[in-house]
């Protein structure tokens, strides 16, 4: 059906940068809104940044000016550039997409999640 696969996580020192990628694959007809969420240990999953198919974006206050979300509609990919990372950015980052896909039985619009990629900010 559909798969969302994140990549690009890792260990970085405070002040460092990372670039996360999310690749959507499968019998996708269209992708509407996409977003990055994160979940730190013992905390609820929270929205980090979102982007519409037209390129409009919004960010959590905690990451404004440091993170940049983008997408390549032709490749069904989304990115998150993380700059000036802080220890409190440590979390598992998840890709989310509201998309329409098709099966032999018809077309379906659903929300899909990736498996997550770990970002650890530590000196």
PDB file of N, CA and C in Angstrom:
ATOM      1  N   UNK A   1       0.836  -1.190   0.000  1.00  0.00           N
ATOM      2  CA  UNK A   1       0.000   0.000   0.000  1.00  0.00           C
ATOM      3  C   UNK A   1       0.871   1.240   0.000  1.00  0.00           C
ATOM      4  N   UNK A   2       1.082   1.795   1.186  1.00  0.00           N
ATOM      5  CA  UNK A   2       1.850   3.033   1.334  1.00  0.00           C
ATOM      6  C   UNK A   2       2.901   2.854   2.413  1.00  0.00           C
ATOM      7  N   UNK A   3       4.033   3.471   2.191  1.00  0.00           N
ATOM      8  CA  UNK A   3       5.095   3.471   3.186  1.00  0.00           C
ATOM      9  C   UNK A   3       5.675   4.868   3.314  1.00  0.00           C
ATOM     10  N   UNK A   4       5.922   5.280   4.558  1.00  0.00           N
ATOM     11  CA  UNK A   4       6.660   6.512   4.821  1.00  0.00           C
ATOM     12  C   UNK A   4       7.925   6.102   5.546  1.00  0.00           C
ATOM     13  N   UNK A   5       9.072   6.498   5.015  1.00  0.00           N
ATOM     14  CA  UNK A   5      10.345   6.112   5.594  1.00  0.00           C
ATOM     15  C   UNK A   5      11.169   7.358   5.881  1.00  0.00           C
ATOM     16  N   UNK A   6      11.526   7.512   7.156  1.00  0.00           N
ATOM     17  CA  UNK A   6      12.369   8.633   7.559  1.00  0.00           C
ATOM     18  C   UNK A   6      13.834   8.229   7.539  1.00  0.00           C
ATOM     19  N   UNK A   7      14.694   9.208   7.360  1.00  0.00           N
ATOM     20  CA  UNK A   7      16.134   8.989   7.445  1.00  0.00           C
ATOM     21  C   UNK A   7      16.802  10.294   7.833  1.00  0.00           C
ATOM     22  N   UNK A   8      18.058  10.201   8.259  1.00  0.00           N
ATOM     23  CA  UNK A   8      18.826  11.397   8.553  1.00  0.00           C
ATOM     24  C   UNK A   8      19.036  11.692  10.019  1.00  0.00           C
ATOM     25  N   UNK A   9      18.433  10.913  10.896  1.00  0.00           N
ATOM     26  CA  UNK A   9      18.634  11.151  12.309  1.00  0.00           C
ATOM     27  C   UNK A   9      20.042  10.755  12.746  1.00  0.00           C
ATOM     28  N   UNK A  10      20.364  11.088  13.987  1.00  0.00           N
ATOM     29  CA  UNK A  10      21.677  10.734  14.500  1.00  0.00           C
ATOM     30  C   UNK A  10      22.016  11.501  15.754  1.00  0.00           C
ATOM     31  N   UNK A  11      23.281  11.400  16.137  1.00  0.00           N
ATOM     32  CA  UNK A  11      23.815  12.083  17.317  1.00  0.00           C
ATOM     33  C   UNK A  11      24.564  13.330  16.859  1.00  0.00           C
ATOM     34  N   UNK A  12      24.241  14.448  17.479  1.00  0.00           N
ATOM     35  CA  UNK A  12      24.871  15.709  17.109  1.00  0.00           C
ATOM     36  C   UNK A  12      25.098  16.536  18.365  1.00  0.00           C
ATOM     37  N   UNK A  13      26.116  17.355  18.343  1.00  0.00           N
ATOM     38  CA  UNK A  13      26.407  18.219  19.489  1.00  0.00           C
ATOM     39  C   UNK A  13      25.484  19.437  19.485  1.00  0.00           C
ATOM     40  N   UNK A  14      25.264  20.025  20.634  1.00  0.00           N
ATOM     41  CA  UNK A  14      24.470  21.260  20.682  1.00  0.00           C
ATOM     42  C   UNK A  14      25.044  22.302  19.728  1.00  0.00           C
ATOM     43  N   UNK A  15      24.131  22.977  19.024  1.00  0.00           N
ATOM     44  CA  UNK A  15      24.552  23.935  18.022  1.00  0.00           C
ATOM     45  C   UNK A  15      24.741  23.349  16.640  1.00  0.00           C
ATOM     46  N   UNK A  16      24.708  22.033  16.547  1.00  0.00           N
ATOM     47  CA  UNK A  16      24.908  21.360  15.267  1.00  0.00           C
ATOM     48  C   UNK A  16      23.652  21.317  14.422  1.00  0.00           C
ATOM     49  N   UNK A  17      23.768  20.647  13.283  1.00  0.00           N
ATOM     50  CA  UNK A  17      22.678  20.587  12.317  1.00  0.00           C
ATOM     51  C   UNK A  17      22.462  19.152  11.844  1.00  0.00           C
ATOM     52  N   UNK A  18      21.248  18.895  11.425  1.00  0.00           N
ATOM     53  CA  UNK A  18      20.883  17.641  10.788  1.00  0.00           C
ATOM     54  C   UNK A  18      19.838  17.947   9.727  1.00  0.00           C
ATOM     55  N   UNK A  19      19.727  17.029   8.768  1.00  0.00           N
ATOM     56  CA  UNK A  19      18.661  17.131   7.785  1.00  0.00           C
ATOM     57  C   UNK A  19      17.917  15.804   7.733  1.00  0.00           C
ATOM     58  N   UNK A  20      16.655  15.855   8.073  1.00  0.00           N
ATOM     59  CA  UNK A  20      15.809  14.668   8.031  1.00  0.00           C
ATOM     60  C   UNK A  20      15.081  14.605   6.688  1.00  0.00           C
ATOM     61  N   UNK A  21      14.878  13.385   6.226  1.00  0.00           N
ATOM     62  CA  UNK A  21      14.133  13.160   4.990  1.00  0.00           C
ATOM     63  C   UNK A  21      13.012  12.177   5.249  1.00  0.00           C
ATOM     64  N   UNK A  22      11.945  12.335   4.503  1.00  0.00           N
ATOM     65  CA  UNK A  22      10.820  11.408   4.547  1.00  0.00           C
ATOM     66  C   UNK A  22      10.443  11.080   3.120  1.00  0.00           C
ATOM     67  N   UNK A  23      10.438   9.800   2.797  1.00  0.00           N
ATOM     68  CA  UNK A  23      10.083   9.371   1.457  1.00  0.00           C
ATOM     69  C   UNK A  23       8.796   8.560   1.511  1.00  0.00           C
ATOM     70  N   UNK A  24       7.832   8.985   0.732  1.00  0.00           N
ATOM     71  CA  UNK A  24       6.567   8.268   0.639  1.00  0.00           C
ATOM     72  C   UNK A  24       6.564   7.423  -0.622  1.00  0.00           C
ATOM     73  N   UNK A  25       6.129   6.174  -0.486  1.00  0.00           N
ATOM     74  CA  UNK A  25       6.093   5.288  -1.642  1.00  0.00           C
ATOM     75  C   UNK A  25       4.828   4.449  -1.617  1.00  0.00           C
ATOM     76  N   UNK A  26       4.518   3.862  -2.744  1.00  0.00           N
ATOM     77  CA  UNK A  26       3.315   3.055  -2.869  1.00  0.00           C
ATOM     78  C   UNK A  26       2.406   3.613  -3.934  1.00  0.00           C
ATOM     79  N   UNK A  27       1.182   3.135  -3.939  1.00  0.00           N
ATOM     80  CA  UNK A  27       0.229   3.543  -4.966  1.00  0.00           C
ATOM     81  C   UNK A  27      -0.449   4.844  -4.545  1.00  0.00           C
ATOM     82  N   UNK A  28       0.347   5.890  -4.532  1.00  0.00           N
ATOM     83  CA  UNK A  28      -0.107   7.189  -4.053  1.00  0.00           C
ATOM     84  C   UNK A  28      -0.671   8.002  -5.205  1.00  0.00           C
ATOM     85  N   UNK A  29      -1.842   8.539  -4.996  1.00  0.00           N
ATOM     86  CA  UNK A  29      -2.435   9.412  -6.002  1.00  0.00           C
ATOM     87  C   UNK A  29      -2.050  10.858  -5.739  1.00  0.00           C
ATOM     88  N   UNK A  30      -2.150  11.275  -4.487  1.00  0.00           N
ATOM     89  CA  UNK A  30      -1.771  12.642  -4.136  1.00  0.00           C
ATOM     90  C   UNK A  30      -1.466  12.718  -2.648  1.00  0.00           C
ATOM     91  N   UNK A  31      -0.628  13.678  -2.288  1.00  0.00           N
ATOM     92  CA  UNK A  31      -0.305  13.925  -0.885  1.00  0.00           C
ATOM     93  C   UNK A  31      -0.750  15.329  -0.539  1.00  0.00           C
ATOM     94  N   UNK A  32      -1.548  15.448   0.476  1.00  0.00           N
ATOM     95  CA  UNK A  32      -2.043  16.749   0.893  1.00  0.00           C
ATOM     96  C   UNK A  32      -1.062  17.347   1.897  1.00  0.00           C
ATOM     97  N   UNK A  33      -1.476  17.550   3.114  1.00  0.00           N
ATOM     98  CA  UNK A  33      -0.572  18.100   4.121  1.00  0.00           C
ATOM     99  C   UNK A  33       0.419  17.043   4.587  1.00  0.00           C
ATOM    100  N   UNK A  34       1.613  17.503   4.905  1.00  0.00           N
ATOM    101  CA  UNK A  34       2.638  16.644   5.495  1.00  0.00           C
ATOM    102  C   UNK A  34       3.191  17.349   6.726  1.00  0.00           C
ATOM    103  N   UNK A  35       3.749  16.578   7.613  1.00  0.00           N
ATOM    104  CA  UNK A  35       4.286  17.201   8.810  1.00  0.00           C
ATOM    105  C   UNK A  35       5.330  16.349   9.500  1.00  0.00           C
ATOM    106  N   UNK A  36       6.089  16.996  10.327  1.00  0.00           N
ATOM    107  CA  UNK A  36       7.045  16.328  11.216  1.00  0.00           C
ATOM    108  C   UNK A  36       6.551  16.481  12.644  1.00  0.00           C
ATOM    109  N   UNK A  37       6.546  15.379  13.354  1.00  0.00           N
ATOM    110  CA  UNK A  37       6.214  15.349  14.764  1.00  0.00           C
ATOM    111  C   UNK A  37       7.412  14.778  15.511  1.00  0.00           C
ATOM    112  N   UNK A  38       7.436  15.003  16.803  1.00  0.00           N
ATOM    113  CA  UNK A  38       8.492  14.399  17.616  1.00  0.00           C
ATOM    114  C   UNK A  38       7.942  13.980  18.957  1.00  0.00           C
ATOM    115  N   UNK A  39       8.590  12.980  19.524  1.00  0.00           N
ATOM    116  CA  UNK A  39       8.200  12.491  20.840  1.00  0.00           C
ATOM    117  C   UNK A  39       9.448  12.220  21.657  1.00  0.00           C
ATOM    118  N   UNK A  40       9.574  12.949  22.743  1.00  0.00           N
ATOM    119  CA  UNK A  40      10.683  12.756  23.671  1.00  0.00           C
ATOM    120  C   UNK A  40      10.254  11.750  24.740  1.00  0.00           C
ATOM    121  N   UNK A  41      11.195  11.094  25.394  1.00  0.00           N
ATOM    122  CA  UNK A  41      10.842  10.121  26.421  1.00  0.00           C
ATOM    123  C   UNK A  41       9.958  10.733  27.502  1.00  0.00           C
ATOM    124  N   UNK A  42       8.865  10.076  27.804  1.00  0.00           N
ATOM    125  CA  UNK A  42       7.970  10.539  28.844  1.00  0.00           C
ATOM    126  C   UNK A  42       7.072  11.695  28.460  1.00  0.00           C
ATOM    127  N   UNK A  43       7.120  12.091  27.197  1.00  0.00           N
ATOM    128  CA  UNK A  43       6.305  13.220  26.747  1.00  0.00           C
ATOM    129  C   UNK A  43       5.379  12.799  25.615  1.00  0.00           C
ATOM    130  N   UNK A  44       4.369  13.612  25.383  1.00  0.00           N
ATOM    131  CA  UNK A  44       3.442  13.343  24.290  1.00  0.00           C
ATOM    132  C   UNK A  44       4.062  13.745  22.957  1.00  0.00           C
ATOM    133  N   UNK A  45       3.573  13.108  21.918  1.00  0.00           N
ATOM    134  CA  UNK A  45       4.014  13.473  20.577  1.00  0.00           C
ATOM    135  C   UNK A  45       3.511  14.874  20.263  1.00  0.00           C
ATOM    136  N   UNK A  46       4.387  15.680  19.674  1.00  0.00           N
ATOM    137  CA  UNK A  46       4.018  17.055  19.378  1.00  0.00           C
ATOM    138  C   UNK A  46       4.366  17.410  17.935  1.00  0.00           C
ATOM    139  N   UNK A  47       3.594  18.335  17.394  1.00  0.00           N
ATOM    140  CA  UNK A  47       3.863  18.811  16.042  1.00  0.00           C
ATOM    141  C   UNK A  47       5.089  19.721  16.061  1.00  0.00           C
ATOM    142  N   UNK A  48       5.998  19.460  15.144  1.00  0.00           N
ATOM    143  CA  UNK A  48       7.183  20.292  14.995  1.00  0.00           C
ATOM    144  C   UNK A  48       6.969  21.293  13.857  1.00  0.00           C
ATOM    145  N   UNK A  49       6.551  20.784  12.703  1.00  0.00           N
ATOM    146  CA  UNK A  49       6.360  21.642  11.537  1.00  0.00           C
ATOM    147  C   UNK A  49       5.436  20.930  10.556  1.00  0.00           C
ATOM    148  N   UNK A  50       4.711  21.719   9.793  1.00  0.00           N
ATOM    149  CA  UNK A  50       3.796  21.162   8.801  1.00  0.00           C
ATOM    150  C   UNK A  50       3.875  21.972   7.521  1.00  0.00           C
ATOM    151  N   UNK A  51       3.513  21.318   6.413  1.00  0.00           N
ATOM    152  CA  UNK A  51       3.563  21.989   5.119  1.00  0.00           C
ATOM    153  C   UNK A  51       2.427  21.461   4.256  1.00  0.00           C
ATOM    154  N   UNK A  52       1.742  22.378   3.590  1.00  0.00           N
ATOM    155  CA  UNK A  52       0.650  21.974   2.707  1.00  0.00           C
ATOM    156  C   UNK A  52       1.206  21.615   1.325  1.00  0.00           C
ATOM    157  N   UNK A  53       0.350  21.092   0.480  1.00  0.00           N
ATOM    158  CA  UNK A  53       0.785  20.755  -0.880  1.00  0.00           C
ATOM    159  C   UNK A  53       1.186  22.010  -1.654  1.00  0.00           C
ATOM    160  N   UNK A  54       0.654  23.154  -1.247  1.00  0.00           N
ATOM    161  CA  UNK A  54       1.003  24.409  -1.905  1.00  0.00           C
ATOM    162  C   UNK A  54       2.226  25.087  -1.330  1.00  0.00           C
ATOM    163  N   UNK A  55       2.764  24.520  -0.255  1.00  0.00           N
ATOM    164  CA  UNK A  55       3.997  25.050   0.310  1.00  0.00           C
ATOM    165  C   UNK A  55       3.834  25.951   1.524  1.00  0.00           C
ATOM    166  N   UNK A  56       2.612  26.140   1.993  1.00  0.00           N
ATOM    167  CA  UNK A  56       2.429  26.923   3.212  1.00  0.00           C
ATOM    168  C   UNK A  56       2.938  26.129   4.403  1.00  0.00           C
ATOM    169  N   UNK A  57       3.599  26.837   5.309  1.00  0.00           N
ATOM    170  CA  UNK A  57       4.225  26.149   6.439  1.00  0.00           C
ATOM    171  C   UNK A  57       3.788  26.742   7.766  1.00  0.00           C
ATOM    172  N   UNK A  58       3.898  25.931   8.800  1.00  0.00           N
ATOM    173  CA  UNK A  58       3.768  26.440  10.155  1.00  0.00           C
ATOM    174  C   UNK A  58       4.683  25.629  11.065  1.00  0.00           C
ATOM    175  N   UNK A  59       5.114  26.273  12.138  1.00  0.00           N
ATOM    176  CA  UNK A  59       6.117  25.709  13.023  1.00  0.00           C
ATOM    177  C   UNK A  59       5.700  25.830  14.482  1.00  0.00           C
ATOM    178  N   UNK A  60       6.163  24.907  15.280  1.00  0.00           N
ATOM    179  CA  UNK A  60       6.045  25.054  16.717  1.00  0.00           C
ATOM    180  C   UNK A  60       6.905  26.233  17.148  1.00  0.00           C
ATOM    181  N   UNK A  61       6.451  26.953  18.146  1.00  0.00           N
ATOM    182  CA  UNK A  61       7.202  28.131  18.601  1.00  0.00           C
ATOM    183  C   UNK A  61       8.631  27.771  18.999  1.00  0.00           C
ATOM    184  N   UNK A  62       8.806  26.579  19.539  1.00  0.00           N
ATOM    185  CA  UNK A  62      10.113  26.167  20.052  1.00  0.00           C
ATOM    186  C   UNK A  62      11.156  25.965  18.961  1.00  0.00           C
ATOM    187  N   UNK A  63      10.722  25.834  17.703  1.00  0.00           N
ATOM    188  CA  UNK A  63      11.680  25.574  16.624  1.00  0.00           C
ATOM    189  C   UNK A  63      11.713  26.683  15.585  1.00  0.00           C
ATOM    190  N   UNK A  64      10.869  27.671  15.722  1.00  0.00           N
ATOM    191  CA  UNK A  64      10.851  28.763  14.741  1.00  0.00           C
ATOM    192  C   UNK A  64      12.218  29.435  14.659  1.00  0.00           C
ATOM    193  N   UNK A  65      12.646  29.667  13.432  1.00  0.00           N
ATOM    194  CA  UNK A  65      13.946  30.288  13.208  1.00  0.00           C
ATOM    195  C   UNK A  65      15.108  29.324  13.223  1.00  0.00           C
ATOM    196  N   UNK A  66      14.858  28.068  13.630  1.00  0.00           N
ATOM    197  CA  UNK A  66      15.936  27.073  13.670  1.00  0.00           C
ATOM    198  C   UNK A  66      15.688  25.916  12.703  1.00  0.00           C
ATOM    199  N   UNK A  67      14.439  25.536  12.531  1.00  0.00           N
ATOM    200  CA  UNK A  67      14.079  24.406  11.672  1.00  0.00           C
ATOM    201  C   UNK A  67      13.378  24.925  10.419  1.00  0.00           C
ATOM    202  N   UNK A  68      13.588  24.224   9.325  1.00  0.00           N
ATOM    203  CA  UNK A  68      12.929  24.576   8.070  1.00  0.00           C
ATOM    204  C   UNK A  68      12.357  23.319   7.423  1.00  0.00           C
ATOM    205  N   UNK A  69      11.070  23.345   7.144  1.00  0.00           N
ATOM    206  CA  UNK A  69      10.409  22.233   6.483  1.00  0.00           C
ATOM    207  C   UNK A  69      10.266  22.538   5.004  1.00  0.00           C
ATOM    208  N   UNK A  70      10.409  21.506   4.177  1.00  0.00           N
ATOM    209  CA  UNK A  70      10.236  21.659   2.738  1.00  0.00           C
ATOM    210  C   UNK A  70       9.769  20.330   2.158  1.00  0.00           C
ATOM    211  N   UNK A  71       9.329  20.370   0.915  1.00  0.00           N
ATOM    212  CA  UNK A  71       8.888  19.132   0.274  1.00  0.00           C
ATOM    213  C   UNK A  71       9.128  19.204  -1.218  1.00  0.00           C
ATOM    214  N   UNK A  72       9.258  18.032  -1.803  1.00  0.00           N
ATOM    215  CA  UNK A  72       9.398  17.893  -3.243  1.00  0.00           C
ATOM    216  C   UNK A  72       8.205  17.064  -3.707  1.00  0.00           C
ATOM    217  N   UNK A  73       7.201  17.733  -4.231  1.00  0.00           N
ATOM    218  CA  UNK A  73       5.961  17.036  -4.596  1.00  0.00           C
ATOM    219  C   UNK A  73       6.185  16.023  -5.717  1.00  0.00           C
ATOM    220  N   UNK A  74       7.100  16.316  -6.613  1.00  0.00           N
ATOM    221  CA  UNK A  74       7.346  15.408  -7.731  1.00  0.00           C
ATOM    222  C   UNK A  74       7.941  14.084  -7.266  1.00  0.00           C
ATOM    223  N   UNK A  75       8.679  14.128  -6.157  1.00  0.00           N
ATOM    224  CA  UNK A  75       9.346  12.926  -5.651  1.00  0.00           C
ATOM    225  C   UNK A  75       8.645  12.338  -4.437  1.00  0.00           C
ATOM    226  N   UNK A  76       7.558  12.966  -4.005  1.00  0.00           N
ATOM    227  CA  UNK A  76       6.856  12.512  -2.786  1.00  0.00           C
ATOM    228  C   UNK A  76       7.799  12.461  -1.598  1.00  0.00           C
ATOM    229  N   UNK A  77       8.568  13.527  -1.446  1.00  0.00           N
ATOM    230  CA  UNK A  77       9.510  13.593  -0.342  1.00  0.00           C
ATOM    231  C   UNK A  77       9.309  14.864   0.479  1.00  0.00           C
ATOM    232  N   UNK A  78       9.690  14.776   1.723  1.00  0.00           N
ATOM    233  CA  UNK A  78       9.624  15.927   2.619  1.00  0.00           C
ATOM    234  C   UNK A  78      10.930  15.972   3.404  1.00  0.00           C
ATOM    235  N   UNK A  79      11.306  17.189   3.792  1.00  0.00           N
ATOM    236  CA  UNK A  79      12.576  17.355   4.501  1.00  0.00           C
ATOM    237  C   UNK A  79      12.375  18.240   5.725  1.00  0.00           C
ATOM    238  N   UNK A  80      13.282  18.101   6.658  1.00  0.00           N
ATOM    239  CA  UNK A  80      13.326  18.996   7.806  1.00  0.00           C
ATOM    240  C   UNK A  80      14.786  19.316   8.075  1.00  0.00           C
ATOM    241  N   UNK A  81      15.142  20.578   7.878  1.00  0.00           N
ATOM    242  CA  UNK A  81      16.484  21.045   8.193  1.00  0.00           C
ATOM    243  C   UNK A  81      16.485  21.533   9.639  1.00  0.00           C
ATOM    244  N   UNK A  82      17.323  20.930  10.450  1.00  0.00           N
ATOM    245  CA  UNK A  82      17.400  21.270  11.862  1.00  0.00           C
ATOM    246  C   UNK A  82      18.739  21.970  12.114  1.00  0.00           C
ATOM    247  N   UNK A  83      18.681  23.234  12.474  1.00  0.00           N
ATOM    248  CA  UNK A  83      19.886  24.002  12.766  1.00  0.00           C
ATOM    249  C   UNK A  83      19.893  24.452  14.220  1.00  0.00           C
ATOM    250  N   UNK A  84      21.093  24.780  14.702  1.00  0.00           N
ATOM    251  CA  UNK A  84      21.248  25.259  16.072  1.00  0.00           C
ATOM    252  C   UNK A  84      20.512  24.342  17.061  1.00  0.00           C
ATOM    253  N   UNK A  85      20.805  23.070  16.950  1.00  0.00           N
ATOM    254  CA  UNK A  85      20.097  22.088  17.763  1.00  0.00           C
ATOM    255  C   UNK A  85      20.400  22.251  19.242  1.00  0.00           C
ATOM    256  N   UNK A  86      19.393  21.971  20.055  1.00  0.00           N
ATOM    257  CA  UNK A  86      19.500  22.066  21.497  1.00  0.00           C
ATOM    258  C   UNK A  86      19.217  20.700  22.111  1.00  0.00           C
ATOM    259  N   UNK A  87      19.639  20.498  23.319  1.00  0.00           N
ATOM    260  CA  UNK A  87      19.421  19.209  23.975  1.00  0.00           C
ATOM    261  C   UNK A  87      17.934  18.879  24.051  1.00  0.00           C
ATOM    262  N   UNK A  88      17.112  19.903  24.214  1.00  0.00           N
ATOM    263  CA  UNK A  88      15.669  19.657  24.309  1.00  0.00           C
ATOM    264  C   UNK A  88      15.037  19.247  22.984  1.00  0.00           C
ATOM    265  N   UNK A  89      15.814  19.262  21.903  1.00  0.00           N
ATOM    266  CA  UNK A  89      15.323  18.764  20.620  1.00  0.00           C
ATOM    267  C   UNK A  89      15.462  17.249  20.512  1.00  0.00           C
ATOM    268  N   UNK A  90      16.101  16.636  21.482  1.00  0.00           N
ATOM    269  CA  UNK A  90      16.271  15.185  21.472  1.00  0.00           C
ATOM    270  C   UNK A  90      14.918  14.497  21.521  1.00  0.00           C
ATOM    271  N   UNK A  91      14.684  13.640  20.535  1.00  0.00           N
ATOM    272  CA  UNK A  91      13.393  12.955  20.429  1.00  0.00           C
ATOM    273  C   UNK A  91      13.432  12.019  19.229  1.00  0.00           C
ATOM    274  N   UNK A  92      12.397  11.198  19.141  1.00  0.00           N
ATOM    275  CA  UNK A  92      12.157  10.457  17.902  1.00  0.00           C
ATOM    276  C   UNK A  92      11.290  11.347  17.010  1.00  0.00           C
ATOM    277  N   UNK A  93      11.729  11.543  15.791  1.00  0.00           N
ATOM    278  CA  UNK A  93      11.020  12.395  14.840  1.00  0.00           C
ATOM    279  C   UNK A  93      10.252  11.524  13.855  1.00  0.00           C
ATOM    280  N   UNK A  94       8.968  11.845  13.707  1.00  0.00           N
ATOM    281  CA  UNK A  94       8.075  11.068  12.858  1.00  0.00           C
ATOM    282  C   UNK A  94       7.578  11.895  11.675  1.00  0.00           C
ATOM    283  N   UNK A  95       7.490  11.239  10.555  1.00  0.00           N
ATOM    284  CA  UNK A  95       6.906  11.823   9.360  1.00  0.00           C
ATOM    285  C   UNK A  95       5.418  11.474   9.331  1.00  0.00           C
ATOM    286  N   UNK A  96       4.614  12.437   8.955  1.00  0.00           N
ATOM    287  CA  UNK A  96       3.170  12.245   8.870  1.00  0.00           C
ATOM    288  C   UNK A  96       2.668  12.793   7.545  1.00  0.00           C
ATOM    289  N   UNK A  97       1.740  12.088   6.927  1.00  0.00           N
ATOM    290  CA  UNK A  97       1.203  12.568   5.657  1.00  0.00           C
ATOM    291  C   UNK A  97      -0.274  12.222   5.539  1.00  0.00           C
ATOM    292  N   UNK A  98      -1.012  13.189   5.072  1.00  0.00           N
ATOM    293  CA  UNK A  98      -2.419  12.972   4.728  1.00  0.00           C
ATOM    294  C   UNK A  98      -2.454  12.767   3.210  1.00  0.00           C
ATOM    295  N   UNK A  99      -2.759  11.556   2.797  1.00  0.00           N
ATOM    296  CA  UNK A  99      -2.609  11.265   1.383  1.00  0.00           C
ATOM    297  C   UNK A  99      -3.746  10.404   0.847  1.00  0.00           C
ATOM    298  N   UNK A 100      -3.860  10.423  -0.461  1.00  0.00           N
ATOM    299  CA  UNK A 100      -4.836   9.591  -1.158  1.00  0.00           C
ATOM    300  C   UNK A 100      -4.075   8.526  -1.933  1.00  0.00           C
ATOM    301  N   UNK A 101      -4.458   7.297  -1.694  1.00  0.00           N
ATOM    302  CA  UNK A 101      -3.832   6.185  -2.405  1.00  0.00           C
ATOM    303  C   UNK A 101      -4.929   5.304  -2.976  1.00  0.00           C
ATOM    304  N   UNK A 102      -4.535   4.403  -3.844  1.00  0.00           N
ATOM    305  CA  UNK A 102      -5.568   3.590  -4.481  1.00  0.00           C
ATOM    306  C   UNK A 102      -5.241   2.110  -4.397  1.00  0.00           C
ATOM    307  N   UNK A 103      -6.287   1.378  -4.273  1.00  0.00           N
ATOM    308  CA  UNK A 103      -6.226  -0.076  -4.339  1.00  0.00           C
ATOM    309  C   UNK A 103      -7.213  -0.514  -5.412  1.00  0.00           C
ATOM    310  N   UNK A 104      -7.252  -1.791  -5.663  1.00  0.00           N
ATOM    311  CA  UNK A 104      -8.188  -2.283  -6.675  1.00  0.00           C
ATOM    312  C   UNK A 104      -9.621  -1.965  -6.304  1.00  0.00           C
ATOM    313  N   UNK A 105      -9.873  -1.820  -5.004  1.00  0.00           N
ATOM    314  CA  UNK A 105     -11.231  -1.535  -4.548  1.00  0.00           C
ATOM    315  C   UNK A 105     -11.583  -0.066  -4.598  1.00  0.00           C
ATOM    316  N   UNK A 106     -10.614   0.795  -4.894  1.00  0.00           N
ATOM    317  CA  UNK A 106     -10.911   2.218  -4.986  1.00  0.00           C
ATOM    318  C   UNK A 106      -9.828   3.087  -4.396  1.00  0.00           C
ATOM    319  N   UNK A 107     -10.139   4.374  -4.247  1.00  0.00           N
ATOM    320  CA  UNK A 107      -9.199   5.346  -3.704  1.00  0.00           C
ATOM    321  C   UNK A 107      -9.559   5.648  -2.259  1.00  0.00           C
ATOM    322  N   UNK A 108      -8.519   5.852  -1.440  1.00  0.00           N
ATOM    323  CA  UNK A 108      -8.712   6.095  -0.019  1.00  0.00           C
ATOM    324  C   UNK A 108      -7.843   7.270   0.425  1.00  0.00           C
ATOM    325  N   UNK A 109      -8.414   8.106   1.266  1.00  0.00           N
ATOM    326  CA  UNK A 109      -7.657   9.215   1.846  1.00  0.00           C
ATOM    327  C   UNK A 109      -7.481   8.938   3.326  1.00  0.00           C
ATOM    328  N   UNK A 110      -6.233   8.827   3.736  1.00  0.00           N
ATOM    329  CA  UNK A 110      -5.925   8.467   5.120  1.00  0.00           C
ATOM    330  C   UNK A 110      -4.674   9.193   5.585  1.00  0.00           C
ATOM    331  N   UNK A 111      -4.477   9.126   6.883  1.00  0.00           N
ATOM    332  CA  UNK A 111      -3.281   9.674   7.504  1.00  0.00           C
ATOM    333  C   UNK A 111      -2.301   8.535   7.755  1.00  0.00           C
ATOM    334  N   UNK A 112      -1.052   8.729   7.331  1.00  0.00           N
ATOM    335  CA  UNK A 112      -0.029   7.703   7.488  1.00  0.00           C
ATOM    336  C   UNK A 112       1.131   8.239   8.297  1.00  0.00           C
ATOM    337  N   UNK A 113       1.802   7.324   9.001  1.00  0.00           N
ATOM    338  CA  UNK A 113       2.955   7.668   9.829  1.00  0.00           C
ATOM    339  C   UNK A 113       4.153   6.830   9.421  1.00  0.00           C
ATOM    340  N   UNK A 114       5.331   7.429   9.547  1.00  0.00           N
ATOM    341  CA  UNK A 114       6.546   6.657   9.418  1.00  0.00           C
ATOM    342  C   UNK A 114       6.905   6.012  10.738  1.00  0.00           C
ATOM    343  N   UNK A 115       8.010   5.256  10.728  1.00  0.00           N
ATOM    344  CA  UNK A 115       8.441   4.542  11.922  1.00  0.00           C
ATOM    345  C   UNK A 115       9.266   5.410  12.858  1.00  0.00           C
ATOM    346  N   UNK A 116       9.753   6.524  12.381  1.00  0.00           N
ATOM    347  CA  UNK A 116      10.497   7.434  13.229  1.00  0.00           C
ATOM    348  C   UNK A 116      12.004   7.319  13.060  1.00  0.00           C
ATOM    349  N   UNK A 117      12.678   8.415  13.333  1.00  0.00           N
ATOM    350  CA  UNK A 117      14.136   8.440  13.318  1.00  0.00           C
ATOM    351  C   UNK A 117      14.613   9.204  14.552  1.00  0.00           C
ATOM    352  N   UNK A 118      15.604   8.647  15.217  1.00  0.00           N
ATOM    353  CA  UNK A 118      16.079   9.215  16.482  1.00  0.00           C
ATOM    354  C   UNK A 118      17.020  10.388  16.235  1.00  0.00           C
ATOM    355  N   UNK A 119      16.753  11.476  16.920  1.00  0.00           N
ATOM    356  CA  UNK A 119      17.663  12.625  16.940  1.00  0.00           C
ATOM    357  C   UNK A 119      18.119  12.817  18.378  1.00  0.00           C
ATOM    358  N   UNK A 120      19.409  12.772  18.601  1.00  0.00           N
ATOM    359  CA  UNK A 120      19.971  12.942  19.936  1.00  0.00           C
ATOM    360  C   UNK A 120      20.950  14.101  19.900  1.00  0.00           C
ATOM    361  N   UNK A 121      20.696  15.075  20.752  1.00  0.00           N
ATOM    362  CA  UNK A 121      21.576  16.247  20.841  1.00  0.00           C
ATOM    363  C   UNK A 121      22.284  16.184  22.187  1.00  0.00           C
ATOM    364  N   UNK A 122      23.585  15.982  22.137  1.00  0.00           N
ATOM    365  CA  UNK A 122      24.338  15.797  23.370  1.00  0.00           C
ATOM    366  C   UNK A 122      25.796  16.137  23.142  1.00  0.00           C
ATOM    367  N   UNK A 123      26.413  16.682  24.177  1.00  0.00           N
ATOM    368  CA  UNK A 123      27.842  16.977  24.101  1.00  0.00           C
ATOM    369  C   UNK A 123      28.647  15.804  24.657  1.00  0.00           C
TER     370      UNK A 123
END
